[in-house]
C-alpha atoms as a PDB file:
ATOM      1  CA  MET A   1     104.850  40.147  59.976  1.00  0.00           C
ATOM      2  CA  THR A   2     102.789  39.807  56.868  1.00  0.00           C
ATOM      3  CA  ALA A   3     103.886  39.889  53.258  1.00  0.00           C
ATOM      4  CA  THR A   4     100.533  41.202  52.028  1.00  0.00           C
ATOM      5  CA  LEU A   5     101.431  44.835  52.775  1.00  0.00           C
ATOM      6  CA  ARG A   6     102.964  45.420  49.317  1.00  0.00           C
ATOM      7  CA  PRO A   7     101.506  44.093  46.076  1.00  0.00           C
ATOM      8  CA  ASN A   8     104.942  43.648  44.447  1.00  0.00           C
ATOM      9  CA  PHE A   9     106.619  42.123  47.508  1.00  0.00           C
ATOM     10  CA  PRO A  10     109.124  39.553  46.156  1.00  0.00           C
ATOM     11  CA  PHE A  11     108.814  37.185  49.129  1.00  0.00           C
ATOM     12  CA  ALA A  12     105.003  37.045  49.219  1.00  0.00           C
ATOM     13  CA  THR A  13     104.829  33.361  48.274  1.00  0.00           C
ATOM     14  CA  LEU A  14     107.242  32.205  50.989  1.00  0.00           C
ATOM     15  CA  GLN A  15     105.695  30.723  54.126  1.00  0.00           C
ATOM     16  CA  PRO A  16     107.346  29.499  57.349  1.00  0.00           C
ATOM     17  CA  GLY A  17     108.087  25.806  56.998  1.00  0.00           C
ATOM     18  CA  ALA A  18     108.097  25.928  53.189  1.00  0.00           C
ATOM     19  CA  VAL A  19     110.909  23.984  51.536  1.00  0.00           C
ATOM     20  CA  GLN A  20     112.629  25.491  48.503  1.00  0.00           C
ATOM     21  CA  GLU A  21     115.027  23.725  46.173  1.00  0.00           C
ATOM     22  CA  LEU A  22     118.344  25.473  45.571  1.00  0.00           C
ATOM     23  CA  ARG A  23     119.605  24.665  42.099  1.00  0.00           C
ATOM     24  CA  GLU A  24     123.002  23.196  41.435  1.00  0.00           C
ATOM     25  CA  SER A  25     125.753  25.541  40.250  1.00  0.00           C
ATOM     26  CA  PRO A  26     129.407  24.941  39.285  1.00  0.00           C
ATOM     27  CA  GLY A  27     130.663  25.274  42.858  1.00  0.00           C
ATOM     28  CA  GLN A  28     127.573  24.137  44.757  1.00  0.00           C
ATOM     29  CA  ALA A  29     125.670  20.862  44.856  1.00  0.00           C
ATOM     30  CA  ARG A  30     121.873  20.795  44.660  1.00  0.00           C
ATOM     31  CA  ALA A  31     120.329  21.486  48.072  1.00  0.00           C
ATOM     32  CA  TRP A  32     117.109  22.487  49.840  1.00  0.00           C
ATOM     33  CA  HIS A  33     116.234  25.158  52.387  1.00  0.00           C
ATOM     34  CA  GLN A  34     113.344  25.259  54.852  1.00  0.00           C
ATOM     35  CA  TRP A  35     112.263  28.835  55.637  1.00  0.00           C
ATOM     36  CA  SER A  36     111.725  29.857  59.258  1.00  0.00           C
ATOM     37  CA  ALA A  37     109.487  32.670  60.492  1.00  0.00           C
ATOM     38  CA  ALA A  38     112.569  34.533  61.788  1.00  0.00           C
ATOM     39  CA  GLU A  39     114.231  34.404  58.353  1.00  0.00           C
ATOM     40  CA  LEU A  40     111.110  35.682  56.636  1.00  0.00           C
ATOM     41  CA  ASP A  41     110.782  38.490  59.196  1.00  0.00           C
ATOM     42  CA  ALA A  42     114.416  39.503  58.555  1.00  0.00           C
ATOM     43  CA  LEU A  43     113.819  39.530  54.775  1.00  0.00           C
ATOM     44  CA  THR A  44     110.629  41.553  55.179  1.00  0.00           C
ATOM     45  CA  LEU A  45     112.223  44.130  57.474  1.00  0.00           C
ATOM     46  CA  ALA A  46     115.341  44.541  55.314  1.00  0.00           C
ATOM     47  CA  TYR A  47     113.185  44.950  52.199  1.00  0.00           C
ATOM     48  CA  ALA A  48     110.842  47.451  53.868  1.00  0.00           C
ATOM     49  CA  ALA A  49     113.773  49.477  55.239  1.00  0.00           C
ATOM     50  CA  ARG A  50     115.570  49.264  51.875  1.00  0.00           C
ATOM     51  CA  ARG A  51     118.675  48.096  53.708  1.00  0.00           C
ATOM     52  CA  PRO A  52     121.019  45.187  52.922  1.00  0.00           C
ATOM     53  CA  LEU A  53     120.727  41.965  54.886  1.00  0.00           C
ATOM     54  CA  LEU A  54     123.963  40.221  55.888  1.00  0.00           C
ATOM     55  CA  VAL A  55     123.503  36.465  55.666  1.00  0.00           C
ATOM     56  CA  ARG A  56     126.084  34.149  57.191  1.00  0.00           C
ATOM     57  CA  GLY A  57     126.250  30.418  57.338  1.00  0.00           C
END
């Protein structure tokens, strides 16, 4: 899957293995997430199909 198909694709800068900081909020401590290729594929497909993506975990 490639994110270069759409010029306004919101996930275009994400790459497999990239680490992103998740900011602290009132009920959640500061954390980090490392993106996998499978996660990015799921985001891309849900966005292209204009369908919601259920995320558990």
